[in-house]
Amino acid sequence: MKTLMRIALRLYPTPWRRRYGNEVRQLIDDGHASPFDLADLVAHAPLAATVRGELSTVKSHLATHPTRVAVVALAIVLPTAVLVVVSVLKYVLGVPGPFDSIEPGATPFVTHPIGETVLILAPYVAFGLAVVPFTRLRVGWTEGRLAARAEASVPLTSLVVGVMSAALIVVMAIYWIAENL
């Protein structure tokens, strides 16, 4: 467990490790490390990066390569998109051919809890990759009121993937509501 915690410590930004790393290593060596301690260490790494401003560096790096990010987002969302489109064709429009041809190969993946989770989360991840790096949200107090402003400068490729992902999210939400009400 101590070895895993030392590895997890590498998730923290270098300036943070320079300042606090020795103390954390001492706590790891002195204490009885548990899986909960490891989870806590891993969970707080992004917060440390945010405080140090390193997530904005990642965001700006993603924004400098919009086509690559859009292609990755498309690759993530494409299996879900195909499954949703062929399902709509079969169950809404009555065209069974495409669904029936992929069903034998897709069923083991779709019915497995991990596969199902991946398919459900894929549009959210793709949307985040496609749109978030190109969006700025400013929240603050202005004249005693909470004010928020959003700006987006999204390249066309990312916009297409973002709209596709958002449409999938809406279709899947409608399906979930129809099945569970």
N, C-alpha and C. Protein backbone atom coordinates (compact mmCIF):
# COMPACT_ATOMS: atom_id res chain seq x y z
N MET A 1 0.83 -1.19 0.00
CA MET A 1 0.00 0.00 0.00
C MET A 1 0.87 1.26 0.00
N LYS A 2 1.96 1.21 0.75
CA LYS A 2 2.85 2.36 0.82
C LYS A 2 3.46 2.67 -0.55
N THR A 3 3.78 1.63 -1.31
CA THR A 3 4.34 1.83 -2.64
C THR A 3 3.33 2.50 -3.55
N LEU A 4 2.08 2.06 -3.49
CA LEU A 4 1.02 2.68 -4.30
C LEU A 4 0.82 4.14 -3.92
N MET A 5 0.93 4.43 -2.64
CA MET A 5 0.76 5.81 -2.19
C MET A 5 1.91 6.68 -2.68
N ARG A 6 3.12 6.14 -2.70
CA ARG A 6 4.25 6.91 -3.23
C ARG A 6 4.06 7.18 -4.72
N ILE A 7 3.53 6.18 -5.44
CA ILE A 7 3.25 6.38 -6.86
C ILE A 7 2.16 7.43 -7.03
N ALA A 8 1.13 7.37 -6.20
CA ALA A 8 0.03 8.36 -6.28
C ALA A 8 0.54 9.77 -6.00
N LEU A 9 1.55 9.88 -5.17
CA LEU A 9 2.13 11.19 -4.86
C LEU A 9 2.71 11.84 -6.12
N ARG A 10 3.09 11.02 -7.11
CA ARG A 10 3.63 11.55 -8.37
C ARG A 10 2.55 12.26 -9.20
N LEU A 11 1.28 12.07 -8.86
CA LEU A 11 0.20 12.77 -9.56
C LEU A 11 0.18 14.25 -9.23
N TYR A 12 0.78 14.61 -8.13
CA TYR A 12 0.76 16.00 -7.69
C TYR A 12 1.77 16.82 -8.48
N PRO A 13 1.50 18.11 -8.67
CA PRO A 13 2.43 18.96 -9.41
C PRO A 13 3.79 19.05 -8.71
N THR A 14 4.84 19.24 -9.49
CA THR A 14 6.19 19.30 -8.96
C THR A 14 6.35 20.36 -7.87
N PRO A 15 5.86 21.59 -8.07
CA PRO A 15 6.02 22.59 -6.99
C PRO A 15 5.34 22.14 -5.69
N TRP A 16 4.20 21.49 -5.81
CA TRP A 16 3.50 21.01 -4.62
C TRP A 16 4.33 19.93 -3.93
N ARG A 17 4.89 19.00 -4.72
CA ARG A 17 5.71 17.93 -4.13
C ARG A 17 6.97 18.48 -3.47
N ARG A 18 7.56 19.53 -4.08
CA ARG A 18 8.75 20.14 -3.45
C ARG A 18 8.41 20.70 -2.08
N ARG A 19 7.24 21.30 -1.98
CA ARG A 19 6.87 21.95 -0.72
C ARG A 19 6.35 20.97 0.32
N TYR A 20 5.50 20.01 -0.10
CA TYR A 20 4.82 19.14 0.86
C TYR A 20 5.20 17.66 0.76
N GLY A 21 5.95 17.29 -0.27
CA GLY A 21 6.23 15.89 -0.53
C GLY A 21 6.91 15.16 0.61
N ASN A 22 7.91 15.81 1.24
CA ASN A 22 8.62 15.13 2.33
C ASN A 22 7.70 14.85 3.50
N GLU A 23 6.81 15.79 3.80
CA GLU A 23 5.87 15.58 4.90
C GLU A 23 4.92 14.42 4.59
N VAL A 24 4.44 14.38 3.37
CA VAL A 24 3.51 13.32 2.98
C VAL A 24 4.22 11.97 3.00
N ARG A 25 5.46 11.93 2.47
CA ARG A 25 6.22 10.68 2.50
C ARG A 25 6.44 10.20 3.94
N GLN A 26 6.70 11.13 4.85
CA GLN A 26 6.90 10.79 6.26
C GLN A 26 5.61 10.21 6.85
N LEU A 27 4.46 10.82 6.51
CA LEU A 27 3.18 10.29 6.98
C LEU A 27 2.92 8.89 6.42
N ILE A 28 3.29 8.70 5.16
CA ILE A 28 3.11 7.38 4.54
C ILE A 28 3.97 6.35 5.26
N ASP A 29 5.22 6.70 5.54
CA ASP A 29 6.14 5.76 6.19
C ASP A 29 5.76 5.49 7.64
N ASP A 30 5.24 6.49 8.34
CA ASP A 30 4.92 6.35 9.75
C ASP A 30 3.57 5.69 10.01
N GLY A 31 2.61 5.94 9.12
CA GLY A 31 1.24 5.49 9.39
C GLY A 31 0.95 4.11 8.84
N HIS A 32 -0.25 3.70 9.09
CA HIS A 32 -0.75 2.45 8.54
C HIS A 32 -1.63 2.82 7.36
N ALA A 33 -1.05 2.78 6.17
CA ALA A 33 -1.76 3.20 4.97
C ALA A 33 -2.90 2.23 4.66
N SER A 34 -4.04 2.79 4.34
CA SER A 34 -5.21 1.99 3.99
C SER A 34 -5.65 2.34 2.57
N PRO A 35 -6.51 1.54 1.98
CA PRO A 35 -7.04 1.88 0.65
C PRO A 35 -7.77 3.23 0.64
N PHE A 36 -8.38 3.59 1.77
CA PHE A 36 -9.06 4.88 1.85
C PHE A 36 -8.06 6.03 1.79
N ASP A 37 -6.89 5.86 2.42
CA ASP A 37 -5.85 6.88 2.35
C ASP A 37 -5.35 7.04 0.92
N LEU A 38 -5.19 5.92 0.23
CA LEU A 38 -4.76 5.96 -1.16
C LEU A 38 -5.79 6.69 -2.02
N ALA A 39 -7.07 6.35 -1.83
CA ALA A 39 -8.13 7.01 -2.59
C ALA A 39 -8.16 8.51 -2.31
N ASP A 40 -7.95 8.88 -1.07
CA ASP A 40 -7.91 10.28 -0.69
C ASP A 40 -6.75 11.01 -1.37
N LEU A 41 -5.60 10.37 -1.38
CA LEU A 41 -4.42 10.96 -2.02
C LEU A 41 -4.65 11.17 -3.51
N VAL A 42 -5.22 10.17 -4.18
CA VAL A 42 -5.49 10.27 -5.61
C VAL A 42 -6.57 11.31 -5.89
N ALA A 43 -7.60 11.34 -5.06
CA ALA A 43 -8.73 12.26 -5.29
C ALA A 43 -8.32 13.72 -5.15
N HIS A 44 -7.35 14.01 -4.32
CA HIS A 44 -6.98 15.41 -4.10
C HIS A 44 -5.91 15.92 -5.07
N ALA A 45 -5.34 15.05 -5.89
CA ALA A 45 -4.32 15.49 -6.85
C ALA A 45 -4.85 16.53 -7.84
N PRO A 46 -6.06 16.34 -8.42
CA PRO A 46 -6.55 17.38 -9.34
C PRO A 46 -6.76 18.73 -8.65
N LEU A 47 -7.17 18.70 -7.38
CA LEU A 47 -7.35 19.95 -6.65
C LEU A 47 -6.02 20.67 -6.49
N ALA A 48 -4.96 19.93 -6.19
CA ALA A 48 -3.64 20.54 -6.08
C ALA A 48 -3.20 21.13 -7.41
N ALA A 49 -3.51 20.44 -8.49
CA ALA A 49 -3.16 20.96 -9.82
C ALA A 49 -3.95 22.22 -10.13
N THR A 50 -5.23 22.25 -9.72
CA THR A 50 -6.05 23.43 -9.95
C THR A 50 -5.51 24.62 -9.18
N VAL A 51 -5.16 24.39 -7.94
CA VAL A 51 -4.63 25.47 -7.10
C VAL A 51 -3.35 26.03 -7.72
N ARG A 52 -2.52 25.17 -8.27
CA ARG A 52 -1.27 25.61 -8.87
C ARG A 52 -1.45 26.12 -10.29
N GLY A 53 -2.67 26.02 -10.85
CA GLY A 53 -2.92 26.53 -12.19
C GLY A 53 -2.50 25.58 -13.30
N GLU A 54 -2.18 24.34 -12.97
CA GLU A 54 -1.71 23.42 -14.01
C GLU A 54 -2.83 22.88 -14.86
N LEU A 55 -4.07 22.85 -14.36
CA LEU A 55 -5.17 22.40 -15.21
C LEU A 55 -5.42 23.39 -16.33
N SER A 56 -5.20 24.68 -16.09
CA SER A 56 -5.36 25.65 -17.16
C SER A 56 -4.30 25.44 -18.23
N THR A 57 -3.11 24.95 -17.84
CA THR A 57 -2.08 24.62 -18.81
C THR A 57 -2.53 23.45 -19.67
N VAL A 58 -3.11 22.43 -19.06
CA VAL A 58 -3.63 21.29 -19.82
C VAL A 58 -4.73 21.77 -20.75
N LYS A 59 -5.61 22.61 -20.26
CA LYS A 59 -6.71 23.12 -21.08
C LYS A 59 -6.17 23.91 -22.27
N SER A 60 -5.16 24.75 -22.06
CA SER A 60 -4.61 25.52 -23.17
C SER A 60 -3.89 24.60 -24.16
N HIS A 61 -3.25 23.53 -23.67
CA HIS A 61 -2.61 22.58 -24.57
C HIS A 61 -3.65 21.89 -25.44
N LEU A 62 -4.77 21.50 -24.85
CA LEU A 62 -5.84 20.88 -25.63
C LEU A 62 -6.39 21.86 -26.67
N ALA A 63 -6.49 23.13 -26.29
CA ALA A 63 -7.04 24.14 -27.20
C ALA A 63 -6.12 24.40 -28.38
N THR A 64 -4.82 24.13 -28.24
CA THR A 64 -3.90 24.37 -29.36
C THR A 64 -3.94 23.24 -30.39
N HIS A 65 -4.57 22.14 -30.07
CA HIS A 65 -4.70 21.01 -30.99
C HIS A 65 -6.17 20.60 -31.13
N PRO A 66 -7.01 21.51 -31.63
CA PRO A 66 -8.46 21.22 -31.62
C PRO A 66 -8.86 20.04 -32.50
N THR A 67 -8.22 19.86 -33.64
CA THR A 67 -8.60 18.76 -34.52
C THR A 67 -8.27 17.42 -33.88
N ARG A 68 -7.10 17.32 -33.25
CA ARG A 68 -6.73 16.08 -32.58
C ARG A 68 -7.71 15.75 -31.46
N VAL A 69 -8.05 16.76 -30.69
CA VAL A 69 -8.99 16.55 -29.58
C VAL A 69 -10.36 16.14 -30.12
N ALA A 70 -10.78 16.76 -31.21
CA ALA A 70 -12.08 16.41 -31.80
C ALA A 70 -12.07 14.98 -32.31
N VAL A 71 -10.97 14.55 -32.91
CA VAL A 71 -10.88 13.18 -33.42
C VAL A 71 -10.92 12.18 -32.25
N VAL A 72 -10.22 12.48 -31.17
CA VAL A 72 -10.25 11.61 -29.99
C VAL A 72 -11.66 11.55 -29.42
N ALA A 73 -12.31 12.71 -29.30
CA ALA A 73 -13.68 12.75 -28.79
C ALA A 73 -14.62 11.96 -29.69
N LEU A 74 -14.43 12.08 -31.00
CA LEU A 74 -15.26 11.33 -31.94
C LEU A 74 -15.05 9.82 -31.79
N ALA A 75 -13.80 9.42 -31.61
CA ALA A 75 -13.51 7.99 -31.42
C ALA A 75 -14.15 7.47 -30.14
N ILE A 76 -14.22 8.31 -29.13
CA ILE A 76 -14.84 7.90 -27.86
C ILE A 76 -16.35 7.75 -28.00
N VAL A 77 -16.98 8.66 -28.72
CA VAL A 77 -18.45 8.68 -28.78
C VAL A 77 -19.01 7.82 -29.91
N LEU A 78 -18.20 7.45 -30.89
CA LEU A 78 -18.71 6.75 -32.06
C LEU A 78 -19.41 5.42 -31.75
N PRO A 79 -18.87 4.55 -30.89
CA PRO A 79 -19.61 3.30 -30.60
C PRO A 79 -21.00 3.56 -30.02
N THR A 80 -21.12 4.53 -29.13
CA THR A 80 -22.42 4.86 -28.56
C THR A 80 -23.34 5.42 -29.64
N ALA A 81 -22.80 6.27 -30.50
CA ALA A 81 -23.61 6.86 -31.57
C ALA A 81 -24.14 5.78 -32.50
N VAL A 82 -23.29 4.84 -32.88
CA VAL A 82 -23.72 3.76 -33.77
C VAL A 82 -24.82 2.95 -33.10
N LEU A 83 -24.62 2.59 -31.84
CA LEU A 83 -25.62 1.79 -31.13
C LEU A 83 -26.96 2.52 -31.02
N VAL A 84 -26.91 3.80 -30.71
CA VAL A 84 -28.16 4.58 -30.58
C VAL A 84 -28.85 4.71 -31.93
N VAL A 85 -28.09 4.99 -32.98
CA VAL A 85 -28.70 5.15 -34.31
C VAL A 85 -29.36 3.86 -34.78
N VAL A 86 -28.65 2.72 -34.65
CA VAL A 86 -29.25 1.46 -35.11
C VAL A 86 -30.42 1.05 -34.22
N SER A 87 -30.37 1.41 -32.93
CA SER A 87 -31.51 1.12 -32.05
C SER A 87 -32.73 1.95 -32.43
N VAL A 88 -32.53 3.21 -32.74
CA VAL A 88 -33.64 4.06 -33.18
C VAL A 88 -34.20 3.54 -34.50
N LEU A 89 -33.30 3.13 -35.41
CA LEU A 89 -33.77 2.58 -36.67
C LEU A 89 -34.68 1.37 -36.45
N LYS A 90 -34.27 0.48 -35.54
CA LYS A 90 -35.05 -0.74 -35.33
C LYS A 90 -36.32 -0.49 -34.52
N TYR A 91 -36.17 0.15 -33.36
CA TYR A 91 -37.29 0.22 -32.42
C TYR A 91 -38.22 1.40 -32.64
N VAL A 92 -37.77 2.42 -33.33
CA VAL A 92 -38.64 3.57 -33.58
C VAL A 92 -39.14 3.58 -35.02
N LEU A 93 -38.22 3.33 -35.97
CA LEU A 93 -38.58 3.41 -37.39
C LEU A 93 -38.90 2.06 -38.01
N GLY A 94 -38.64 0.96 -37.29
CA GLY A 94 -38.97 -0.36 -37.80
C GLY A 94 -38.03 -0.90 -38.85
N VAL A 95 -36.79 -0.43 -38.89
CA VAL A 95 -35.79 -0.93 -39.84
C VAL A 95 -34.81 -1.80 -39.06
N PRO A 96 -35.01 -3.13 -39.04
CA PRO A 96 -34.22 -3.99 -38.16
C PRO A 96 -32.84 -4.38 -38.70
N GLY A 97 -32.58 -4.24 -39.99
CA GLY A 97 -31.36 -4.75 -40.61
C GLY A 97 -30.06 -4.36 -39.91
N PRO A 98 -29.77 -3.07 -39.76
CA PRO A 98 -28.48 -2.69 -39.16
C PRO A 98 -28.33 -3.19 -37.71
N PHE A 99 -29.39 -3.10 -36.94
CA PHE A 99 -29.32 -3.54 -35.54
C PHE A 99 -29.10 -5.04 -35.46
N ASP A 100 -29.85 -5.78 -36.25
CA ASP A 100 -29.74 -7.24 -36.22
C ASP A 100 -28.36 -7.72 -36.65
N SER A 101 -27.68 -6.95 -37.51
CA SER A 101 -26.36 -7.38 -37.96
C SER A 101 -25.28 -7.14 -36.90
N ILE A 102 -25.42 -6.13 -36.05
CA ILE A 102 -24.39 -5.88 -35.03
C ILE A 102 -24.74 -6.47 -33.67
N GLU A 103 -25.99 -6.88 -33.50
CA GLU A 103 -26.43 -7.37 -32.19
C GLU A 103 -25.61 -8.54 -31.64
N PRO A 104 -25.30 -9.59 -32.43
CA PRO A 104 -24.55 -10.71 -31.85
C PRO A 104 -23.17 -10.30 -31.31
N GLY A 105 -22.50 -9.41 -31.98
CA GLY A 105 -21.18 -8.98 -31.52
C GLY A 105 -21.23 -7.96 -30.40
N ALA A 106 -22.28 -7.12 -30.38
CA ALA A 106 -22.37 -6.05 -29.39
C ALA A 106 -22.98 -6.50 -28.07
N THR A 107 -23.80 -7.53 -28.09
CA THR A 107 -24.53 -7.94 -26.89
C THR A 107 -23.62 -8.24 -25.70
N PRO A 108 -22.54 -9.02 -25.86
CA PRO A 108 -21.70 -9.29 -24.67
C PRO A 108 -21.11 -8.01 -24.05
N PHE A 109 -20.76 -7.04 -24.89
CA PHE A 109 -20.20 -5.79 -24.38
C PHE A 109 -21.28 -4.92 -23.75
N VAL A 110 -22.40 -4.80 -24.41
CA VAL A 110 -23.48 -3.92 -23.95
C VAL A 110 -24.11 -4.43 -22.66
N THR A 111 -24.19 -5.75 -22.50
CA THR A 111 -24.84 -6.30 -21.31
C THR A 111 -23.89 -6.41 -20.11
N HIS A 112 -22.61 -6.22 -20.32
CA HIS A 112 -21.65 -6.24 -19.21
C HIS A 112 -21.70 -4.88 -18.50
N PRO A 113 -21.67 -4.85 -17.17
CA PRO A 113 -21.78 -3.57 -16.46
C PRO A 113 -20.70 -2.55 -16.86
N ILE A 114 -19.49 -2.99 -17.12
CA ILE A 114 -18.44 -2.06 -17.51
C ILE A 114 -18.71 -1.53 -18.92
N GLY A 115 -19.10 -2.41 -19.83
CA GLY A 115 -19.41 -1.98 -21.18
C GLY A 115 -20.58 -1.01 -21.21
N GLU A 116 -21.60 -1.31 -20.44
CA GLU A 116 -22.76 -0.42 -20.36
C GLU A 116 -22.36 0.95 -19.82
N THR A 117 -21.52 0.96 -18.80
CA THR A 117 -21.07 2.23 -18.22
C THR A 117 -20.26 3.03 -19.22
N VAL A 118 -19.38 2.37 -19.95
CA VAL A 118 -18.58 3.06 -20.97
C VAL A 118 -19.47 3.67 -22.02
N LEU A 119 -20.46 2.92 -22.50
CA LEU A 119 -21.36 3.44 -23.53
C LEU A 119 -22.18 4.62 -23.03
N ILE A 120 -22.58 4.58 -21.77
CA ILE A 120 -23.40 5.67 -21.22
C ILE A 120 -22.56 6.92 -20.98
N LEU A 121 -21.34 6.75 -20.49
CA LEU A 121 -20.50 7.91 -20.16
C LEU A 121 -19.80 8.51 -21.38
N ALA A 122 -19.67 7.76 -22.46
CA ALA A 122 -18.92 8.22 -23.63
C ALA A 122 -19.39 9.58 -24.17
N PRO A 123 -20.69 9.86 -24.31
CA PRO A 123 -21.09 11.18 -24.82
C PRO A 123 -20.69 12.32 -23.89
N TYR A 124 -20.71 12.08 -22.58
CA TYR A 124 -20.31 13.12 -21.63
C TYR A 124 -18.82 13.42 -21.74
N VAL A 125 -18.02 12.37 -21.85
CA VAL A 125 -16.57 12.54 -21.98
C VAL A 125 -16.25 13.24 -23.30
N ALA A 126 -16.89 12.81 -24.38
CA ALA A 126 -16.65 13.42 -25.69
C ALA A 126 -17.06 14.88 -25.69
N PHE A 127 -18.19 15.19 -25.07
CA PHE A 127 -18.64 16.58 -24.99
C PHE A 127 -17.62 17.42 -24.23
N GLY A 128 -17.14 16.88 -23.11
CA GLY A 128 -16.14 17.60 -22.33
C GLY A 128 -14.87 17.84 -23.11
N LEU A 129 -14.41 16.85 -23.85
CA LEU A 129 -13.20 17.03 -24.65
C LEU A 129 -13.41 18.01 -25.79
N ALA A 130 -14.58 17.95 -26.41
CA ALA A 130 -14.83 18.77 -27.59
C ALA A 130 -15.11 20.23 -27.27
N VAL A 131 -15.77 20.50 -26.15
CA VAL A 131 -16.23 21.86 -25.90
C VAL A 131 -15.50 22.56 -24.76
N VAL A 132 -15.21 21.86 -23.68
CA VAL A 132 -14.66 22.50 -22.48
C VAL A 132 -13.35 23.25 -22.73
N PRO A 133 -12.38 22.69 -23.50
CA PRO A 133 -11.14 23.45 -23.69
C PRO A 133 -11.32 24.79 -24.39
N PHE A 134 -12.45 24.99 -25.05
CA PHE A 134 -12.68 26.20 -25.82
C PHE A 134 -13.71 27.12 -25.18
N THR A 135 -14.04 26.85 -23.93
CA THR A 135 -15.06 27.61 -23.23
C THR A 135 -14.45 28.25 -21.99
N ARG A 136 -14.82 29.50 -21.76
CA ARG A 136 -14.38 30.19 -20.54
C ARG A 136 -15.62 30.58 -19.75
N LEU A 137 -15.59 30.27 -18.49
CA LEU A 137 -16.67 30.64 -17.60
C LEU A 137 -16.11 31.54 -16.51
N ARG A 138 -16.66 32.69 -16.39
CA ARG A 138 -16.23 33.64 -15.36
C ARG A 138 -17.38 33.85 -14.39
N VAL A 139 -17.11 33.65 -13.12
CA VAL A 139 -18.10 33.85 -12.07
C VAL A 139 -17.48 34.75 -11.02
N GLY A 140 -18.23 35.75 -10.60
CA GLY A 140 -17.72 36.66 -9.58
C GLY A 140 -18.81 37.59 -9.09
N TRP A 141 -18.43 38.43 -8.17
CA TRP A 141 -19.38 39.38 -7.60
C TRP A 141 -19.23 40.72 -8.30
N THR A 142 -20.36 41.28 -8.75
CA THR A 142 -20.39 42.59 -9.38
C THR A 142 -21.50 43.39 -8.74
N GLU A 143 -21.14 44.48 -8.10
CA GLU A 143 -22.11 45.36 -7.45
C GLU A 143 -23.02 44.60 -6.50
N GLY A 144 -22.44 43.71 -5.71
CA GLY A 144 -23.20 42.98 -4.71
C GLY A 144 -24.01 41.82 -5.25
N ARG A 145 -23.86 41.51 -6.51
CA ARG A 145 -24.60 40.41 -7.11
C ARG A 145 -23.63 39.40 -7.71
N LEU A 146 -24.06 38.17 -7.69
CA LEU A 146 -23.27 37.12 -8.33
C LEU A 146 -23.48 37.22 -9.83
N ALA A 147 -22.39 37.35 -10.57
CA ALA A 147 -22.47 37.49 -12.02
C ALA A 147 -21.69 36.35 -12.67
N ALA A 148 -22.22 35.85 -13.76
CA ALA A 148 -21.55 34.78 -14.51
C ALA A 148 -21.56 35.15 -15.99
N ARG A 149 -20.46 34.79 -16.63
CA ARG A 149 -20.35 35.05 -18.07
C ARG A 149 -19.65 33.87 -18.71
N ALA A 150 -20.20 33.38 -19.80
CA ALA A 150 -19.60 32.27 -20.53
C ALA A 150 -19.22 32.74 -21.92
N GLU A 151 -18.02 32.35 -22.35
CA GLU A 151 -17.55 32.65 -23.69
C GLU A 151 -17.09 31.35 -24.33
N ALA A 152 -17.38 31.19 -25.61
CA ALA A 152 -16.92 29.99 -26.31
C ALA A 152 -16.40 30.39 -27.68
N SER A 153 -15.27 29.84 -28.02
CA SER A 153 -14.70 30.00 -29.34
C SER A 153 -14.31 28.59 -29.80
N VAL A 154 -15.31 27.87 -30.29
CA VAL A 154 -15.16 26.45 -30.58
C VAL A 154 -14.91 26.25 -32.07
N PRO A 155 -13.82 25.55 -32.43
CA PRO A 155 -13.59 25.22 -33.84
C PRO A 155 -14.70 24.34 -34.39
N LEU A 156 -14.89 24.36 -35.69
CA LEU A 156 -15.99 23.64 -36.32
C LEU A 156 -15.96 22.14 -36.01
N THR A 157 -14.79 21.52 -36.07
CA THR A 157 -14.71 20.07 -35.81
C THR A 157 -15.17 19.75 -34.39
N SER A 158 -14.74 20.55 -33.44
CA SER A 158 -15.14 20.34 -32.05
C SER A 158 -16.62 20.64 -31.86
N LEU A 159 -17.13 21.63 -32.58
CA LEU A 159 -18.55 21.97 -32.48
C LEU A 159 -19.41 20.82 -32.98
N VAL A 160 -19.01 20.20 -34.09
CA VAL A 160 -19.77 19.07 -34.64
C VAL A 160 -19.80 17.92 -33.63
N VAL A 161 -18.64 17.59 -33.07
CA VAL A 161 -18.58 16.50 -32.09
C VAL A 161 -19.36 16.88 -30.83
N GLY A 162 -19.27 18.13 -30.41
CA GLY A 162 -20.02 18.58 -29.23
C GLY A 162 -21.52 18.50 -29.43
N VAL A 163 -21.99 18.92 -30.60
CA VAL A 163 -23.43 18.87 -30.89
C VAL A 163 -23.89 17.41 -30.97
N MET A 164 -23.08 16.55 -31.61
CA MET A 164 -23.43 15.13 -31.70
C MET A 164 -23.50 14.51 -30.30
N SER A 165 -22.53 14.84 -29.46
CA SER A 165 -22.52 14.30 -28.10
C SER A 165 -23.72 14.80 -27.30
N ALA A 166 -24.03 16.08 -27.44
CA ALA A 166 -25.18 16.64 -26.73
C ALA A 166 -26.48 16.00 -27.20
N ALA A 167 -26.59 15.76 -28.50
CA ALA A 167 -27.79 15.10 -29.04
C ALA A 167 -27.92 13.68 -28.48
N LEU A 168 -26.80 12.97 -28.39
CA LEU A 168 -26.84 11.62 -27.81
C LEU A 168 -27.25 11.67 -26.35
N ILE A 169 -26.75 12.64 -25.62
CA ILE A 169 -27.11 12.77 -24.21
C ILE A 169 -28.62 12.99 -24.08
N VAL A 170 -29.18 13.84 -24.94
CA VAL A 170 -30.62 14.12 -24.90
C VAL A 170 -31.42 12.87 -25.27
N VAL A 171 -31.04 12.19 -26.34
CA VAL A 171 -31.76 10.98 -26.76
C VAL A 171 -31.72 9.92 -25.67
N MET A 172 -30.54 9.74 -25.06
CA MET A 172 -30.41 8.74 -24.00
C MET A 172 -31.21 9.14 -22.76
N ALA A 173 -31.30 10.43 -22.47
CA ALA A 173 -32.10 10.89 -21.33
C ALA A 173 -33.59 10.65 -21.60
N ILE A 174 -34.03 10.93 -22.81
CA ILE A 174 -35.43 10.69 -23.17
C ILE A 174 -35.75 9.20 -23.06
N TYR A 175 -34.86 8.36 -23.55
CA TYR A 175 -35.05 6.92 -23.44
C TYR A 175 -35.15 6.50 -21.98
N TRP A 176 -34.23 7.00 -21.14
CA TRP A 176 -34.23 6.63 -19.73
C TRP A 176 -35.53 7.05 -19.06
N ILE A 177 -35.99 8.26 -19.35
CA ILE A 177 -37.25 8.76 -18.77
C ILE A 177 -38.42 7.90 -19.23
N ALA A 178 -38.46 7.58 -20.53
CA ALA A 178 -39.56 6.77 -21.07
C ALA A 178 -39.57 5.36 -20.46
N GLU A 179 -38.40 4.80 -20.20
CA GLU A 179 -38.32 3.45 -19.64
C GLU A 179 -38.59 3.40 -18.14
N ASN A 180 -38.35 4.49 -17.44
CA ASN A 180 -38.42 4.46 -15.98
C ASN A 180 -39.60 5.21 -15.37
N LEU A 181 -40.45 5.76 -16.18
CA LEU A 181 -41.64 6.44 -15.63
C LEU A 181 -42.89 5.65 -15.86
